[in-house]
Amino acid sequence: KQWYQRRVRAGVSSKEIDLPQIVVVGSQSTGKSSVLENIAKQNFLPRGMGIVTRRPLVLQMIQAPSKKIINGTSHDTWAQFLHKGDLFYTDMDAVQKEIVDDTNRICGTNKGIKDDPIHLKLYSTKIPSLTLVDLPGLTKIPVGDQPRDIDQRIERQVRSYIVKENSIILAVSAGNVDIANSDSLKLAKEVDPTGSRTIAVITKCDLMENSDESIAVLNGTSVDVKLGLI
């Protein structure tokens, strides 16, 4: 009891409590960022060709009970970076820029990746309280100053998040790729063989072929995940 009281008084860091989280996993250019933004109901993630997400982004969505007055103006949505202290962001373009700037500061400007996460809190009266993690897209070929084993490094980073029993895996696959070759579903299956923690997400459905296999995918009969298919 005394230990508990001391810990409550001192506060517990995020490193000491492993909170449940939804981890977004997918190959590059499968639409991972769009999926995350649809959940958050805000456009704030960097866009571009090739590898854009180069370090984990831990997004803590918090449902605000009411609007907040910031610089004399009422806002129903605002954001706060852990590394920026008490600075509040109300412009999502500025949030996007800070993600890019801090990524470049830690990872360099030539496509390098790092394990150090960006911690971002998003407050809004319009969203549920959830924690999501956006990770670098799975890839095979190094670019820029990436090491030759970039595929293994990214996979290790992804595994470190999805192996946790309290994580929900959002496995994103593009509709124009054979579901049997989905890197995200393959990796999810390795750490969650029963599919009890996995949700399959199919993007770019307009590019799917008109075939019995595509119908089976959309009906969820060809993907063995217990939490369903979106």
Protein backbone atom coordinates (compact mmCIF):
# COMPACT_ATOMS: atom_id res chain seq x y z
CA LYS A 1 0.00 0.00 0.00
CA GLN A 2 2.81 2.44 0.84
CA TRP A 3 4.51 1.68 -2.52
CA TYR A 4 1.20 2.32 -4.30
CA GLN A 5 0.64 5.62 -2.49
CA ARG A 6 4.17 6.80 -3.30
CA ARG A 7 3.67 5.86 -6.96
CA VAL A 8 0.32 7.67 -7.14
CA ARG A 9 1.83 10.80 -5.58
CA ALA A 10 4.86 10.71 -7.86
CA GLY A 11 2.93 9.83 -11.00
CA VAL A 12 3.63 6.85 -13.27
CA SER A 13 5.40 7.32 -16.58
CA SER A 14 4.10 5.80 -19.84
CA LYS A 15 7.13 3.50 -19.83
CA GLU A 16 5.98 1.83 -16.61
CA ILE A 17 2.39 1.11 -17.68
CA ASP A 18 1.88 -0.83 -20.92
CA LEU A 19 -1.48 0.57 -22.03
CA PRO A 20 -3.69 -1.13 -24.67
CA GLN A 21 -3.18 0.27 -28.14
CA ILE A 22 -4.19 -0.22 -31.77
CA VAL A 23 -1.15 -0.75 -33.98
CA VAL A 24 -1.48 0.12 -37.68
CA VAL A 25 0.66 -2.19 -39.84
CA GLY A 26 1.07 -2.35 -43.61
CA SER A 27 3.44 -2.14 -46.54
CA GLN A 28 4.44 1.20 -47.99
CA SER A 29 1.73 2.99 -50.00
CA THR A 30 -1.12 0.75 -48.81
CA GLY A 31 -3.00 3.67 -47.26
CA LYS A 32 -2.02 3.21 -43.59
CA SER A 33 -2.00 6.93 -42.90
CA SER A 34 -5.43 7.43 -44.46
CA VAL A 35 -6.85 4.67 -42.25
CA LEU A 36 -5.42 6.31 -39.13
CA GLU A 37 -6.65 9.76 -40.14
CA ASN A 38 -10.15 8.41 -40.77
CA ILE A 39 -10.20 7.12 -37.20
CA ALA A 40 -8.86 10.39 -35.81
CA LYS A 41 -11.14 12.50 -38.07
CA GLN A 42 -8.21 14.84 -38.80
CA ASN A 43 -5.68 15.18 -41.63
CA PHE A 44 -2.30 15.68 -39.99
CA LEU A 45 0.06 12.96 -41.22
CA PRO A 46 2.85 13.64 -43.73
CA ARG A 47 2.30 12.55 -47.33
CA GLY A 48 4.74 11.61 -50.06
CA MET A 49 6.29 8.85 -52.13
CA GLY A 50 8.27 5.95 -50.66
CA ILE A 51 8.89 5.75 -46.92
CA VAL A 52 7.21 8.71 -45.20
CA THR A 53 6.69 7.35 -41.68
CA ARG A 54 10.26 6.82 -40.44
CA ARG A 55 9.74 6.41 -36.71
CA PRO A 56 6.81 5.25 -34.58
CA LEU A 57 4.05 7.78 -33.96
CA VAL A 58 2.15 7.05 -30.76
CA LEU A 59 -1.14 8.91 -31.05
CA GLN A 60 -3.19 9.23 -27.90
CA MET A 61 -6.70 10.30 -28.84
CA ILE A 62 -8.57 11.88 -25.95
CA GLN A 63 -12.27 12.69 -25.99
CA ALA A 64 -12.56 16.21 -24.59
CA PRO A 65 -15.67 16.93 -22.51
CA SER A 66 -15.88 20.46 -23.90
CA LYS A 67 -14.16 23.00 -26.12
CA LYS A 68 -10.93 24.66 -24.98
CA ILE A 69 -10.04 28.33 -25.06
CA ILE A 70 -6.58 28.75 -26.63
CA ASN A 71 -5.20 32.25 -27.26
CA GLY A 72 -8.66 33.70 -26.73
CA THR A 73 -10.39 31.42 -29.27
CA SER A 74 -12.62 28.40 -28.60
CA HIS A 75 -11.47 25.14 -30.24
CA ASP A 76 -13.10 21.70 -30.35
CA THR A 77 -9.87 20.03 -31.53
CA TRP A 78 -6.27 20.63 -30.48
CA ALA A 79 -3.00 18.71 -30.25
CA GLN A 80 0.05 18.53 -28.02
CA PHE A 81 3.47 16.93 -28.58
CA LEU A 82 5.32 15.44 -25.63
CA HIS A 83 8.60 16.98 -26.80
CA LYS A 84 6.99 20.43 -27.08
CA GLY A 85 5.78 20.63 -23.49
CA ASP A 86 2.72 22.83 -22.92
CA LEU A 87 2.52 24.15 -26.50
CA PHE A 88 -0.95 23.56 -28.01
CA TYR A 89 -1.54 23.15 -31.75
CA THR A 90 -4.89 24.03 -33.31
CA ASP A 91 -3.71 23.99 -36.95
CA MET A 92 -3.35 20.43 -38.26
CA ASP A 93 -0.96 21.65 -40.99
CA ALA A 94 1.35 22.82 -38.20
CA VAL A 95 1.05 19.39 -36.55
CA GLN A 96 2.05 17.75 -39.83
CA LYS A 97 5.02 20.09 -40.18
CA GLU A 98 6.21 19.35 -36.64
CA ILE A 99 6.03 15.60 -37.31
CA VAL A 100 8.22 16.09 -40.40
CA ASP A 101 10.64 18.46 -38.63
CA ASP A 102 11.10 16.25 -35.57
CA THR A 103 11.47 13.15 -37.76
CA ASN A 104 14.21 14.86 -39.74
CA ARG A 105 15.87 16.00 -36.52
CA ILE A 106 16.05 12.45 -35.16
CA CYS A 107 16.32 10.40 -38.36
CA GLY A 108 18.10 12.77 -40.76
CA THR A 109 16.71 13.90 -44.09
CA ASN A 110 17.73 10.96 -46.29
CA LYS A 111 15.12 8.26 -45.51
CA GLY A 112 16.78 6.87 -42.36
CA ILE A 113 14.57 5.28 -39.70
CA LYS A 114 14.76 5.23 -35.90
CA ASP A 115 12.99 3.43 -33.05
CA ASP A 116 12.48 6.61 -30.98
CA PRO A 117 8.73 7.36 -31.07
CA ILE A 118 6.94 10.66 -31.47
CA HIS A 119 4.27 11.05 -28.79
CA LEU A 120 1.26 13.10 -29.85
CA LYS A 121 -1.95 13.77 -27.93
CA LEU A 122 -5.03 14.71 -29.94
CA TYR A 123 -7.92 16.20 -28.00
CA SER A 124 -11.36 16.59 -29.55
CA THR A 125 -15.02 16.62 -28.64
CA LYS A 126 -15.63 14.49 -31.77
CA ILE A 127 -13.41 11.43 -31.18
CA PRO A 128 -13.32 8.42 -28.84
CA SER A 129 -10.47 7.89 -26.42
CA LEU A 130 -8.01 5.49 -28.07
CA THR A 131 -4.28 4.99 -28.45
CA LEU A 132 -3.02 4.24 -31.95
CA VAL A 133 0.49 3.58 -33.23
CA ASP A 134 1.57 4.36 -36.79
CA LEU A 135 4.74 2.56 -37.90
CA PRO A 136 7.06 2.68 -40.92
CA GLY A 137 5.67 0.76 -43.87
CA LEU A 138 7.05 -2.70 -44.50
CA THR A 139 9.49 -2.62 -47.41
CA LYS A 140 12.04 -4.74 -49.25
CA ILE A 141 14.41 -2.34 -51.03
CA PRO A 142 16.60 0.27 -49.24
CA VAL A 143 16.66 3.86 -50.50
CA GLY A 144 18.72 6.92 -49.53
CA ASP A 145 20.98 6.22 -46.58
CA GLN A 146 18.95 3.22 -45.43
CA PRO A 147 20.98 0.12 -44.53
CA ARG A 148 20.77 -3.00 -46.67
CA ASP A 149 18.82 -4.78 -43.95
CA ILE A 150 16.15 -2.06 -43.80
CA ASP A 151 13.42 -4.68 -44.28
CA GLN A 152 14.59 -6.61 -41.22
CA ARG A 153 14.95 -3.46 -39.13
CA ILE A 154 11.43 -2.27 -39.92
CA GLU A 155 10.02 -5.74 -39.30
CA ARG A 156 11.76 -5.90 -35.90
CA GLN A 157 10.32 -2.52 -35.00
CA VAL A 158 6.81 -3.57 -36.05
CA ARG A 159 7.09 -6.86 -34.17
CA SER A 160 8.11 -5.07 -30.98
CA TYR A 161 4.68 -3.39 -30.95
CA ILE A 162 2.37 -6.10 -32.28
CA VAL A 163 3.84 -8.93 -30.19
CA LYS A 164 2.31 -7.37 -27.06
CA GLU A 165 -0.79 -9.24 -25.95
CA ASN A 166 -2.64 -6.00 -25.19
CA SER A 167 -2.24 -4.63 -28.73
CA ILE A 168 -4.90 -4.79 -31.44
CA ILE A 169 -3.32 -5.26 -34.88
CA LEU A 170 -4.84 -3.22 -37.72
CA ALA A 171 -3.39 -5.11 -40.69
CA VAL A 172 -3.75 -2.91 -43.78
CA SER A 173 -3.57 -4.44 -47.27
CA ALA A 174 -4.13 -2.81 -50.66
CA GLY A 175 -6.99 -4.23 -52.71
CA ASN A 176 -4.85 -4.48 -55.84
CA VAL A 177 -2.44 -6.93 -54.17
CA ASP A 178 -3.16 -10.64 -53.76
CA ILE A 179 -4.30 -11.06 -50.15
CA ALA A 180 -2.18 -14.22 -49.93
CA ASN A 181 0.89 -12.00 -50.39
CA SER A 182 -0.08 -9.41 -47.78
CA ASP A 183 2.98 -8.64 -45.65
CA SER A 184 0.86 -7.16 -42.86
CA LEU A 185 -1.42 -10.19 -42.56
CA LYS A 186 1.54 -12.55 -42.74
CA LEU A 187 3.30 -10.74 -39.90
CA ALA A 188 0.09 -10.51 -37.87
CA LYS A 189 -0.43 -14.26 -38.29
CA GLU A 190 3.04 -14.97 -36.91
CA VAL A 191 2.45 -13.10 -33.64
CA ASP A 192 -1.30 -13.70 -33.43
CA PRO A 193 -1.84 -17.18 -34.95
CA THR A 194 -5.49 -17.41 -33.85
CA GLY A 195 -6.34 -13.97 -35.25
CA SER A 196 -7.94 -12.99 -31.96
CA ARG A 197 -6.18 -9.59 -31.89
CA THR A 198 -6.25 -8.79 -35.61
CA ILE A 199 -8.52 -6.63 -37.75
CA ALA A 200 -7.96 -6.83 -41.52
CA VAL A 201 -8.36 -3.57 -43.45
CA ILE A 202 -8.60 -3.58 -47.25
CA THR A 203 -7.85 -0.27 -48.97
CA LYS A 204 -8.02 0.75 -52.63
CA CYS A 205 -10.99 -1.54 -53.19
CA ASP A 206 -11.73 0.23 -56.48
CA LEU A 207 -8.56 -1.38 -57.88
CA MET A 208 -9.60 -4.93 -57.02
CA GLU A 209 -10.21 -7.36 -59.85
CA ASN A 210 -13.75 -8.55 -60.45
CA SER A 211 -13.23 -12.17 -59.46
CA ASP A 212 -14.48 -14.86 -57.09
CA GLU A 213 -11.31 -14.39 -55.04
CA SER A 214 -12.00 -10.67 -54.60
CA ILE A 215 -15.56 -11.41 -53.52
CA ALA A 216 -14.26 -13.93 -50.99
CA VAL A 217 -11.87 -11.32 -49.59
CA LEU A 218 -14.60 -8.68 -49.23
CA ASN A 219 -16.95 -11.23 -47.66
CA GLY A 220 -14.25 -12.06 -45.12
CA THR A 221 -14.20 -15.76 -45.97
CA SER A 222 -10.59 -15.84 -47.17
CA VAL A 223 -9.08 -13.95 -44.22
CA ASP A 224 -8.96 -15.73 -40.86
CA VAL A 225 -9.21 -12.88 -38.35
CA LYS A 226 -11.52 -12.93 -35.36
CA LEU A 227 -12.07 -9.18 -35.06
CA GLY A 228 -13.38 -8.82 -38.60
CA LEU A 229 -12.55 -7.15 -41.90
CA ILE A 230 -13.08 -3.55 -42.92
